[in-house]
Protein backbone atom coordinates (compact mmCIF):
# COMPACT_ATOMS: atom_id res chain seq x y z
CA UNK A 1 -65.87 -14.34 -60.58
CA UNK A 2 -66.71 -13.98 -64.25
CA UNK A 3 -64.41 -16.88 -65.24
CA UNK A 4 -65.89 -19.16 -62.58
CA UNK A 5 -69.44 -18.29 -63.60
CA UNK A 6 -68.64 -18.91 -67.25
CA UNK A 7 -67.08 -22.30 -66.46
CA UNK A 8 -70.04 -23.31 -64.35
CA UNK A 9 -72.43 -22.20 -67.08
CA UNK A 10 -70.54 -24.17 -69.75
CA UNK A 11 -70.49 -27.26 -67.56
CA UNK A 12 -74.23 -26.90 -66.91
CA UNK A 13 -74.94 -26.54 -70.60
CA UNK A 14 -72.87 -29.62 -71.40
CA UNK A 15 -74.59 -31.62 -68.70
CA UNK A 16 -78.07 -30.63 -69.85
CA UNK A 17 -77.20 -31.36 -73.52
CA UNK A 18 -75.72 -34.73 -72.57
CA UNK A 19 -78.82 -35.54 -70.56
CA UNK A 20 -81.00 -34.57 -73.51
CA UNK A 21 -79.04 -36.76 -75.90
CA UNK A 22 -79.15 -39.68 -73.48
CA UNK A 23 -82.90 -39.19 -73.16
CA UNK A 24 -83.29 -39.39 -76.94
CA UNK A 25 -81.15 -42.53 -77.22
CA UNK A 26 -83.00 -44.18 -74.35
CA UNK A 27 -86.31 -43.25 -75.95
CA UNK A 28 -85.37 -44.71 -79.34
CA UNK A 29 -83.82 -47.80 -77.80
CA UNK A 30 -86.40 -48.59 -75.15
CA UNK A 31 -89.42 -47.16 -76.84
CA UNK A 32 -90.29 -44.73 -73.98
CA UNK A 33 -91.43 -41.14 -74.59
CA UNK A 34 -89.16 -38.10 -74.21
CA UNK A 35 -89.90 -35.58 -71.34
CA UNK A 36 -89.78 -32.55 -73.63
CA UNK A 37 -90.87 -30.08 -70.92
CA UNK A 38 -87.90 -30.86 -68.68
CA UNK A 39 -85.58 -31.07 -71.65
CA UNK A 40 -86.58 -27.63 -73.02
CA UNK A 41 -86.41 -26.04 -69.57
CA UNK A 42 -82.91 -27.41 -68.99
CA UNK A 43 -81.62 -26.31 -72.39
CA UNK A 44 -83.02 -22.79 -72.00
CA UNK A 45 -81.59 -22.41 -68.50
CA UNK A 46 -78.22 -23.63 -69.66
CA UNK A 47 -78.23 -21.26 -72.63
CA UNK A 48 -78.75 -18.17 -70.47
CA UNK A 49 -77.14 -19.31 -67.22
CA UNK A 50 -73.94 -17.29 -67.70
CA UNK A 51 -75.78 -14.08 -68.62
CA UNK A 52 -78.26 -14.41 -65.77
CA UNK A 53 -75.49 -15.10 -63.27
CA UNK A 54 -73.55 -12.05 -64.45
CA UNK A 55 -76.63 -9.81 -64.26
CA UNK A 56 -77.50 -11.13 -60.79
CA UNK A 57 -73.98 -10.46 -59.54
CA UNK A 58 -74.04 -6.96 -61.04
CA UNK A 59 -77.46 -6.28 -59.51
CA UNK A 60 -76.30 -7.36 -56.06
CA UNK A 61 -73.23 -5.15 -56.36
CA UNK A 62 -75.30 -2.13 -57.40
CA UNK A 63 -77.68 -2.71 -54.50
CA UNK A 64 -74.71 -2.79 -52.11
CA UNK A 65 -73.27 0.36 -53.69
CA UNK A 66 -76.55 2.26 -53.43
CA UNK A 67 -76.86 1.17 -49.80
CA UNK A 68 -73.26 2.24 -49.14
CA UNK A 69 -73.84 5.68 -50.66
CA UNK A 70 -76.98 6.12 -48.57
CA UNK A 71 -75.06 5.12 -45.44
CA UNK A 72 -72.31 7.69 -46.09
CA UNK A 73 -74.79 10.47 -46.90
CA UNK A 74 -76.79 9.80 -43.74
CA UNK A 75 -73.58 9.63 -41.70
CA UNK A 76 -72.27 13.07 -42.70
CA UNK A 77 -75.75 14.61 -42.50
CA UNK A 78 -76.29 13.30 -38.97
CA UNK A 79 -72.78 14.39 -37.94
CA UNK A 80 -73.33 17.96 -39.14
CA UNK A 81 -76.81 18.15 -37.58
CA UNK A 82 -75.57 16.89 -34.21
CA UNK A 83 -72.80 19.50 -34.11
CA UNK A 84 -75.20 22.28 -35.09
CA UNK A 85 -77.72 21.25 -32.43
CA UNK A 86 -74.94 21.25 -29.84
CA UNK A 87 -74.05 24.82 -30.79
CA UNK A 88 -77.69 25.92 -30.75
CA UNK A 89 -77.99 24.68 -27.18
CA UNK A 90 -75.80 27.58 -26.06
CA UNK A 91 -73.60 25.46 -23.81
CA UNK A 92 -70.50 26.22 -25.91
CA UNK A 93 -70.76 30.01 -25.64
CA UNK A 94 -69.87 32.30 -22.75
CA UNK A 95 -72.92 33.10 -20.63
CA UNK A 96 -73.64 36.41 -18.87
CA UNK A 97 -73.65 36.45 -15.09
CA UNK A 98 -75.27 38.94 -12.70
CA UNK A 99 -73.84 39.77 -9.28
CA UNK A 100 -77.41 40.31 -7.99
CA UNK A 101 -79.80 37.95 -9.83
CA UNK A 102 -82.57 38.80 -7.36
CA UNK A 103 -82.53 42.35 -8.72
CA UNK A 104 -81.37 41.82 -12.29
CA UNK A 105 -81.07 38.48 -14.11
CA UNK A 106 -79.40 38.16 -17.50
CA UNK A 107 -79.43 35.74 -20.43
CA UNK A 108 -77.60 35.63 -23.74
CA UNK A 109 -79.33 36.57 -26.98
CA UNK A 110 -78.96 34.34 -30.02
CA UNK A 111 -75.59 34.69 -31.73
CA UNK A 112 -74.12 36.80 -28.93
CA UNK A 113 -70.36 36.75 -28.41
CA UNK A 114 -69.88 37.44 -24.75
CA UNK A 115 -66.37 36.28 -24.03
CA UNK A 116 -64.80 39.02 -21.85
CA UNK A 117 -68.15 40.81 -21.49
CA UNK A 118 -68.60 43.28 -18.58
CA UNK A 119 -71.18 45.94 -17.71
CA UNK A 120 -72.53 47.87 -14.71
CA UNK A 121 -76.29 48.42 -14.23
CA UNK A 122 -78.13 50.18 -11.42
CA UNK A 123 -81.91 49.74 -11.31
CA UNK A 124 -83.54 52.86 -9.87
CA UNK A 125 -87.13 52.00 -10.74
CA UNK A 126 -89.08 49.12 -12.26
CA UNK A 127 -91.47 49.59 -15.15
CA UNK A 128 -95.05 49.61 -13.87
CA UNK A 129 -98.47 49.17 -15.41
CA UNK A 130 -101.59 51.19 -14.67
CA UNK A 131 -104.24 49.16 -12.87
CA UNK A 132 -107.74 50.14 -11.87
CA UNK A 133 -110.37 48.36 -9.75
CA UNK A 134 -114.04 49.19 -9.26
CA UNK A 135 -114.80 50.75 -5.89
CA UNK A 136 -118.34 49.43 -5.54
CA UNK A 137 -118.86 45.67 -5.80
CA UNK A 138 -121.60 43.95 -7.76
CA UNK A 139 -123.54 41.17 -6.07
CA UNK A 140 -122.99 38.75 -8.99
CA UNK A 141 -120.48 38.79 -11.81
CA UNK A 142 -123.22 37.65 -14.18
CA UNK A 143 -125.87 40.19 -13.10
CA UNK A 144 -127.11 42.64 -15.77
CA UNK A 145 -125.75 46.17 -15.30
CA UNK A 146 -126.65 48.31 -18.28
CA UNK A 147 -126.06 48.91 -21.97
CA UNK A 148 -124.18 51.57 -23.90
CA UNK A 149 -120.71 52.23 -25.27
CA UNK A 150 -117.27 52.59 -23.71
CA UNK A 151 -114.36 54.41 -25.35
CA UNK A 152 -110.84 53.14 -24.55
CA UNK A 153 -107.89 55.47 -25.08
CA UNK A 154 -104.15 54.84 -24.50
CA UNK A 155 -101.63 57.58 -23.78
CA UNK A 156 -99.38 59.24 -21.22
CA UNK A 157 -101.04 60.20 -17.94
CA UNK A 158 -100.32 62.70 -15.19
CA UNK A 159 -101.37 61.66 -11.71
CA UNK A 160 -102.49 63.58 -8.65
CA UNK A 161 -100.65 63.20 -5.33
CA UNK A 162 -103.39 60.89 -4.12
CA UNK A 163 -102.76 58.54 -7.07
CA UNK A 164 -105.83 59.47 -9.10
CA UNK A 165 -105.43 60.49 -12.74
CA UNK A 166 -105.23 64.20 -13.47
CA UNK A 167 -105.12 64.00 -17.28
CA UNK A 168 -104.22 61.78 -20.25
CA UNK A 169 -102.34 62.88 -23.35
CA UNK A 170 -103.61 60.56 -26.08
CA UNK A 171 -100.99 58.41 -27.75
CA UNK A 172 -100.63 57.53 -31.40
CA UNK A 173 -103.18 54.73 -31.33
CA UNK A 174 -106.77 55.67 -32.07
CA UNK A 175 -109.48 55.42 -29.44
CA UNK A 176 -111.48 52.20 -29.50
CA UNK A 177 -115.20 51.79 -28.89
CA UNK A 178 -116.54 48.87 -26.90
CA UNK A 179 -120.23 48.11 -27.26
CA UNK A 180 -122.10 46.80 -24.26
CA UNK A 181 -125.39 45.17 -25.24
CA UNK A 182 -127.95 42.96 -23.55
CA UNK A 183 -125.74 40.01 -24.53
CA UNK A 184 -122.70 41.20 -22.54
CA UNK A 185 -123.97 43.72 -19.99
CA UNK A 186 -122.61 41.86 -16.95
CA UNK A 187 -119.14 42.22 -15.43
CA UNK A 188 -118.16 38.96 -17.13
CA UNK A 189 -119.47 40.21 -20.48
CA UNK A 190 -117.82 43.64 -20.10
CA UNK A 191 -114.44 42.03 -19.34
CA UNK A 192 -114.76 39.74 -22.37
CA UNK A 193 -115.68 42.69 -24.63
CA UNK A 194 -112.65 44.71 -23.46
CA UNK A 195 -110.27 41.77 -23.93
CA UNK A 196 -111.66 41.08 -27.40
CA UNK A 197 -110.37 44.46 -28.63
CA UNK A 198 -106.77 43.38 -27.81
CA UNK A 199 -105.79 46.98 -27.17
CA UNK A 200 -103.17 46.26 -24.51
CA UNK A 201 -105.62 46.51 -21.62
CA UNK A 202 -106.59 43.29 -19.87
CA UNK A 203 -109.87 43.00 -17.99
CA UNK A 204 -110.80 40.43 -15.36
CA UNK A 205 -113.45 39.88 -12.73
CA UNK A 206 -112.32 39.38 -9.13
CA UNK A 207 -114.69 37.81 -6.60
CA UNK A 208 -114.07 38.23 -2.86
CA UNK A 209 -114.86 35.85 -0.02
CA UNK A 210 -118.42 37.21 0.23
CA UNK A 211 -119.13 36.52 -3.43
CA UNK A 212 -119.05 40.21 -4.38
CA UNK A 213 -117.55 40.89 -7.82
CA UNK A 214 -115.18 43.66 -8.89
CA UNK A 215 -113.98 44.70 -12.36
CA UNK A 216 -110.18 44.92 -12.62
CA UNK A 217 -108.31 46.52 -15.53
CA UNK A 218 -104.56 46.41 -16.20
CA UNK A 219 -102.53 47.96 -18.99
CA UNK A 220 -99.05 47.22 -20.28
CA UNK A 221 -95.95 48.54 -18.51
CA UNK A 222 -94.51 51.87 -19.56
CA UNK A 223 -95.27 55.54 -19.21
CA UNK A 224 -97.07 55.71 -22.57
CA UNK A 225 -99.35 52.77 -21.72
CA UNK A 226 -101.73 54.57 -19.35
CA UNK A 227 -105.40 54.38 -20.34
CA UNK A 228 -108.83 55.88 -19.83
CA UNK A 229 -112.18 54.13 -20.17
CA UNK A 230 -115.17 56.41 -20.60
CA UNK A 231 -118.86 55.56 -20.98
CA UNK A 232 -119.59 57.72 -24.03
CA UNK A 233 -123.10 56.29 -24.32
CA UNK A 234 -124.88 55.41 -21.08
CA UNK A 235 -128.69 55.51 -21.39
CA UNK A 236 -129.26 53.93 -18.01
CA UNK A 237 -126.56 55.89 -16.22
CA UNK A 238 -124.97 52.71 -14.88
CA UNK A 239 -121.87 52.27 -17.07
CA UNK A 240 -120.19 55.48 -15.86
CA UNK A 241 -119.51 53.77 -12.54
CA UNK A 242 -116.82 51.83 -14.40
CA UNK A 243 -115.07 54.83 -15.93
CA UNK A 244 -111.29 55.05 -15.64
CA UNK A 245 -109.68 58.48 -15.71
CA UNK A 246 -110.17 61.89 -14.10
CA UNK A 247 -113.15 61.54 -11.77
CA UNK A 248 -113.65 57.89 -12.83
CA UNK A 249 -115.54 55.32 -10.85
CA UNK A 250 -112.65 52.83 -10.79
CA UNK A 251 -109.82 53.49 -8.37
CA UNK A 252 -106.33 53.58 -9.85
CA UNK A 253 -104.25 51.28 -7.72
CA UNK A 254 -101.02 51.47 -9.73
CA UNK A 255 -99.64 54.11 -12.07
CA UNK A 256 -97.92 53.48 -15.40
CA UNK A 257 -94.23 54.26 -15.58
CA UNK A 258 -90.95 53.36 -17.31
CA UNK A 259 -88.09 51.42 -15.82
CA UNK A 260 -85.22 53.75 -14.91
CA UNK A 261 -81.66 52.44 -15.04
CA UNK A 262 -78.09 53.67 -15.11
CA UNK A 263 -75.95 51.57 -17.49
CA UNK A 264 -72.21 52.20 -17.26
CA UNK A 265 -72.95 55.68 -15.91
CA UNK A 266 -75.62 56.56 -18.49
CA UNK A 267 -79.23 57.09 -17.31
CA UNK A 268 -81.80 55.34 -19.53
CA UNK A 269 -85.48 54.40 -19.46
CA UNK A 270 -87.37 51.48 -20.93
CA UNK A 271 -91.08 50.70 -21.01
CA UNK A 272 -90.61 47.07 -19.97
CA UNK A 273 -88.78 45.14 -17.29
CA UNK A 274 -87.65 42.71 -19.98
CA UNK A 275 -85.01 44.58 -22.00
CA UNK A 276 -83.12 43.25 -25.02
CA UNK A 277 -81.95 46.47 -26.69
CA UNK A 278 -79.83 48.02 -24.00
CA UNK A 279 -76.72 45.85 -23.52
CA UNK A 280 -75.32 44.17 -26.66
CA UNK A 281 -75.99 40.44 -26.77
CA UNK A 282 -77.75 40.37 -23.39
CA UNK A 283 -81.37 40.30 -22.27
CA UNK A 284 -82.06 41.96 -18.92
CA UNK A 285 -84.89 40.90 -16.64
CA UNK A 286 -85.58 43.48 -13.90
CA UNK A 287 -87.18 42.23 -10.71
CA UNK A 288 -86.10 44.80 -8.09
CA UNK A 289 -84.31 48.08 -7.48
CA UNK A 290 -80.71 48.45 -6.34
CA UNK A 291 -78.89 51.11 -4.39
CA UNK A 292 -75.54 50.07 -5.84
CA UNK A 293 -74.62 48.99 -9.38
CA UNK A 294 -75.10 45.36 -10.35
CA UNK A 295 -72.01 43.93 -12.03
CA UNK A 296 -72.49 41.92 -15.19
CA UNK A 297 -69.78 39.61 -16.52
CA UNK A 298 -69.41 36.37 -18.45
CA UNK A 299 -68.20 32.86 -17.73
CA UNK A 300 -66.31 30.71 -20.21
CA UNK A 301 -67.73 27.17 -20.59
CA UNK A 302 -64.29 25.58 -20.27
CA UNK A 303 -65.52 22.09 -19.49
CA UNK A 304 -68.18 22.18 -22.22
CA UNK A 305 -65.68 23.32 -24.86
CA UNK A 306 -63.22 20.61 -23.87
CA UNK A 307 -65.97 17.99 -24.02
CA UNK A 308 -67.12 19.32 -27.39
CA UNK A 309 -63.66 18.89 -28.91
CA UNK A 310 -63.31 15.36 -27.53
CA UNK A 311 -66.85 14.44 -28.58
CA UNK A 312 -66.19 15.79 -32.06
CA UNK A 313 -63.05 13.66 -32.35
CA UNK A 314 -64.90 10.55 -31.13
CA UNK A 315 -67.71 11.07 -33.63
CA UNK A 316 -65.25 11.84 -36.41
CA UNK A 317 -63.50 8.53 -35.77
CA UNK A 318 -66.82 6.68 -35.95
CA UNK A 319 -67.63 8.38 -39.25
CA UNK A 320 -64.18 7.64 -40.67
CA UNK A 321 -64.53 3.96 -39.72
CA UNK A 322 -67.69 3.80 -41.83
CA UNK A 323 -66.07 5.63 -44.75
CA UNK A 324 -62.99 3.41 -44.65
CA UNK A 325 -65.15 0.29 -44.56
CA UNK A 326 -67.04 1.43 -47.66
CA UNK A 327 -63.89 2.50 -49.54
CA UNK A 328 -61.55 -0.32 -48.49
CA UNK A 329 -59.34 -1.01 -51.55
CA UNK A 330 -60.08 -4.75 -51.36
CA UNK A 331 -63.49 -5.29 -49.73
CA UNK A 332 -65.20 -1.89 -49.94
CA UNK A 333 -68.25 -1.71 -52.18
CA UNK A 334 -67.39 1.94 -52.97
CA UNK A 335 -63.64 1.41 -53.38
CA UNK A 336 -63.66 2.75 -56.94
CA UNK A 337 -66.32 5.42 -56.50
CA UNK A 338 -65.10 8.98 -57.06
CA UNK A 339 -67.77 10.54 -54.81
CA UNK A 340 -66.80 8.34 -51.87
CA UNK A 341 -63.09 8.95 -52.43
CA UNK A 342 -63.65 12.71 -52.57
CA UNK A 343 -65.62 12.50 -49.32
CA UNK A 344 -62.75 10.59 -47.70
CA UNK A 345 -60.20 13.21 -48.80
CA UNK A 346 -62.28 16.08 -47.45
CA UNK A 347 -62.71 14.41 -44.08
CA UNK A 348 -58.97 13.78 -43.82
CA UNK A 349 -58.24 17.44 -44.60
CA UNK A 350 -60.65 18.75 -41.96
CA UNK A 351 -58.10 19.00 -39.14
CA UNK A 352 -55.90 21.43 -41.10
CA UNK A 353 -58.70 23.49 -42.62
CA UNK A 354 -58.69 27.16 -41.39
CA UNK A 355 -61.87 27.64 -39.40
CA UNK A 356 -61.52 31.35 -38.58
CA UNK A 357 -60.77 33.97 -41.21
CA UNK A 358 -59.18 37.22 -40.12
CA UNK A 359 -58.09 35.83 -36.76
CA UNK A 360 -55.07 37.46 -35.16
CA UNK A 361 -51.69 35.78 -35.46
CA UNK A 362 -51.00 33.35 -32.68
CA UNK A 363 -54.66 32.51 -32.05
CA UNK A 364 -56.01 29.03 -32.83
CA UNK A 365 -57.47 28.75 -36.33
CA UNK A 366 -57.57 25.01 -36.97
CA UNK A 367 -58.42 21.83 -35.09
CA UNK A 368 -54.72 21.02 -35.13
CA UNK A 369 -54.13 24.22 -33.12
CA UNK A 370 -56.40 22.75 -30.44
CA UNK A 371 -54.27 19.64 -30.14
CA UNK A 372 -56.27 17.49 -32.56
CA UNK A 373 -53.94 15.27 -34.59
CA UNK A 374 -54.09 12.33 -36.96
CA UNK A 375 -52.76 8.95 -35.87
CA UNK A 376 -51.05 6.37 -38.09
CA UNK A 377 -54.35 4.53 -38.54
CA UNK A 378 -56.10 7.65 -39.81
CA UNK A 379 -58.11 8.30 -36.66
CA UNK A 380 -57.93 11.52 -34.64
CA UNK A 381 -56.63 11.98 -31.11
CA UNK A 382 -56.54 14.96 -28.74
CA UNK A 383 -53.51 16.29 -26.92
CA UNK A 384 -55.12 17.25 -23.61
CA UNK A 385 -52.41 19.73 -22.59
CA UNK A 386 -52.59 21.62 -25.88
CA UNK A 387 -56.39 21.78 -25.67
CA UNK A 388 -56.39 23.09 -22.08
CA UNK A 389 -53.86 25.78 -22.97
CA UNK A 390 -55.81 26.85 -26.05
CA UNK A 391 -59.08 27.22 -24.13
CA UNK A 392 -57.35 29.06 -21.29
CA UNK A 393 -55.44 31.52 -23.48
CA UNK A 394 -57.93 32.02 -26.33
CA UNK A 395 -61.45 31.17 -25.13
CA UNK A 396 -63.08 33.57 -27.59
CA UNK A 397 -61.42 31.85 -30.55
CA UNK A 398 -62.50 28.40 -29.38
CA UNK A 399 -66.05 29.61 -28.91
CA UNK A 400 -65.99 31.15 -32.37
CA UNK A 401 -64.93 27.82 -33.87
CA UNK A 402 -68.09 26.20 -32.50
CA UNK A 403 -70.42 29.12 -33.17
CA UNK A 404 -73.13 29.17 -35.83
CA UNK A 405 -72.26 31.90 -38.34
CA UNK A 406 -73.76 33.19 -41.57
CA UNK A 407 -70.41 33.44 -43.38
CA UNK A 408 -69.49 29.73 -43.23
CA UNK A 409 -66.76 30.27 -40.65
CA UNK A 410 -66.19 27.82 -37.83
CA UNK A 411 -66.32 24.07 -37.52
CA UNK A 412 -70.03 23.91 -38.30
CA UNK A 413 -69.49 25.81 -41.54
CA UNK A 414 -66.58 23.53 -42.49
CA UNK A 415 -68.56 20.38 -41.77
CA UNK A 416 -71.59 21.69 -43.66
CA UNK A 417 -69.28 22.39 -46.61
CA UNK A 418 -68.08 18.78 -46.49
CA UNK A 419 -71.70 17.62 -46.33
CA UNK A 420 -72.70 19.83 -49.27
CA UNK A 421 -69.85 18.56 -51.43
CA UNK A 422 -70.34 14.96 -50.36
CA UNK A 423 -74.05 14.93 -51.15
CA UNK A 424 -73.80 16.94 -54.37
CA UNK A 425 -75.64 15.40 -57.32
CA UNK A 426 -73.01 16.88 -59.65
CA UNK A 427 -69.80 15.38 -58.30
CA UNK A 428 -70.41 13.94 -54.82
CA UNK A 429 -72.19 10.94 -53.38
CA UNK A 430 -75.42 12.30 -54.80
CA UNK A 431 -73.97 11.89 -58.28
CA UNK A 432 -72.87 8.35 -57.41
CA UNK A 433 -76.39 7.54 -56.27
CA UNK A 434 -77.82 8.85 -59.54
CA UNK A 435 -75.29 6.83 -61.54
CA UNK A 436 -75.88 3.59 -59.64
CA UNK A 437 -79.66 3.98 -59.84
CA UNK A 438 -79.45 4.55 -63.60
CA UNK A 439 -77.26 1.45 -63.97
CA UNK A 440 -79.78 -0.54 -61.97
CA UNK A 441 -82.57 0.57 -64.32
CA UNK A 442 -80.46 -0.41 -67.33
CA UNK A 443 -79.81 -3.77 -65.72
CA UNK A 444 -83.53 -4.34 -65.31
CA UNK A 445 -83.99 -3.69 -69.05
CA UNK A 446 -81.29 -6.26 -69.86
CA UNK A 447 -83.03 -8.80 -67.63
CA UNK A 448 -86.29 -8.16 -69.47
CA UNK A 449 -84.56 -8.75 -72.82
CA UNK A 450 -83.07 -12.05 -71.64
CA UNK A 451 -86.49 -13.09 -70.32
CA UNK A 452 -87.96 -12.42 -73.77
CA UNK A 453 -85.14 -14.33 -75.46
CA UNK A 454 -85.67 -17.25 -73.05
CA UNK A 455 -89.37 -17.35 -73.87
CA UNK A 456 -88.70 -17.32 -77.62
CA UNK A 457 -86.12 -20.11 -77.34
CA UNK A 458 -88.46 -22.17 -75.18
CA UNK A 459 -91.25 -21.83 -77.75
CA UNK A 460 -88.93 -22.77 -80.61
CA UNK A 461 -87.48 -25.84 -78.88
CA UNK A 462 -90.91 -26.99 -77.79
CA UNK A 463 -92.09 -26.94 -81.42
CA UNK A 464 -88.96 -28.74 -82.60
CA UNK A 465 -89.22 -31.48 -80.00
CA UNK A 466 -92.94 -31.87 -80.66
CA UNK A 467 -92.15 -32.48 -84.32
CA UNK A 468 -89.38 -34.88 -83.33
CA UNK A 469 -91.74 -36.81 -81.05
CA UNK A 470 -94.21 -37.19 -83.89
CA UNK A 471 -91.50 -38.57 -86.18
CA UNK A 472 -90.20 -40.92 -83.48
CA UNK A 473 -93.74 -42.18 -82.96
CA UNK A 474 -94.04 -42.81 -86.72
CA UNK A 475 -90.69 -44.63 -86.78
CA UNK A 476 -91.72 -46.78 -83.85
CA UNK A 477 -95.00 -47.63 -85.56
CA UNK A 478 -93.15 -48.70 -88.72
CA UNK A 479 -90.69 -50.66 -86.60
CA UNK A 480 -93.52 -52.50 -84.89
CA UNK A 481 -95.16 -53.28 -88.27
CA UNK A 482 -91.93 -54.64 -89.69
CA UNK A 483 -91.22 -56.71 -86.62
CA UNK A 484 -94.70 -58.23 -86.79
CA UNK A 485 -94.34 -58.88 -90.52
CA UNK A 486 -91.04 -60.66 -90.05
CA UNK A 487 -92.51 -62.79 -87.30
CA UNK A 488 -95.39 -63.71 -89.60
CA UNK A 489 -92.94 -64.68 -92.37
CA UNK A 490 -90.97 -66.82 -90.01
CA UNK A 491 -94.08 -68.57 -88.79
CA UNK A 492 -95.24 -69.31 -92.34
CA UNK A 493 -91.88 -70.92 -93.17
CA UNK A 494 -92.28 -73.30 -90.24
């Protein structure tokens, strides 16, 4: 390309020079003026044609290289992100299963490894919350009742056989005061004031079919979440009707209590029906009691794991096609780039890279162990029989390969390592991008220098041709005078 450009430039220069010379000869012979503007423009363009062509070609190449680097960086980044999102979806990990989901439903906690998981849970009692409802209705939820101060206290209660509260042992949280003023002395205002304290007791106003309003209070589940509400300041004697506790005006319709379970033969209690700290890796949701133990187990996502391996291979082949296009030894714009070549080598080595450290002998550790192999064209293929056998015999290992870990193990860790190296600004594609961008900036400076040189040459030639035109005009004037003089002499002789 350089030789061709140089030849073209030389030819152009010769043509422009020849045209300029011919213009001068024609001017002197025929007496016409010289088009100095076109002549100067042609000479300047011819002078710098080779340099400009070379800089343009280099600029186009750098633009293609920068675009190629960006394409490869985006490709590996998107590949790694897609695999990580697939793992986060939870479809590639064993999921817990309950034999009685109407009594006890289960779900996996983040990062749980549940392959081979089993447990037995009997639910003897659900966790309950204390609730209290006013016995005497109020004609309107917005009617003024009275002013004063309530004191709200949480703790552990004892209850009488009839369901009323016998006593409350105060818990660790301090008692809270709730002021009832003329601005909030209705049932609606009282409920809002109680809720505003965010003490774990929720107040609401319930209206029946007759329009009568009742105050309803509910605490959190658990034995230690019982509560009392006492009118500690009641000038009008009306707030005490809404007391909760021994002798209170509100009827206790439900008592607070812990959930009682037997897990693998061990009796336990929890304050909530949503339990995440009892069975490793599993969240329990209690919705009923059982007379017999509920069996918990796990299911292996065989189909999902098989699809994940095949999808990974398909995506890998798409990525490799892009890399090979960019690094093709003849047509690739990044064929000589070290960052792109390093990226290509890392991708090719991925199938044999150990993905699980410390795994027992005989268990799959690499993609090759799952039946993933490299074809003659450099693409990957999957041996279906090998993959099925691997998932059947070592499901935990396959799940671990696709799991998100903090130690860099697994396929996600390996692919993220490739991405990190490939995009590094020290030795990867990031460094290539920096180098190409710097070269592009340097190229812009060279173009500016040539532009300045072109301007200077144009100014110089313009001055020279202006001087030449003046001399030609003088010569032509002398020629005309001499021709006229000779004619006059000839006429006088006749």
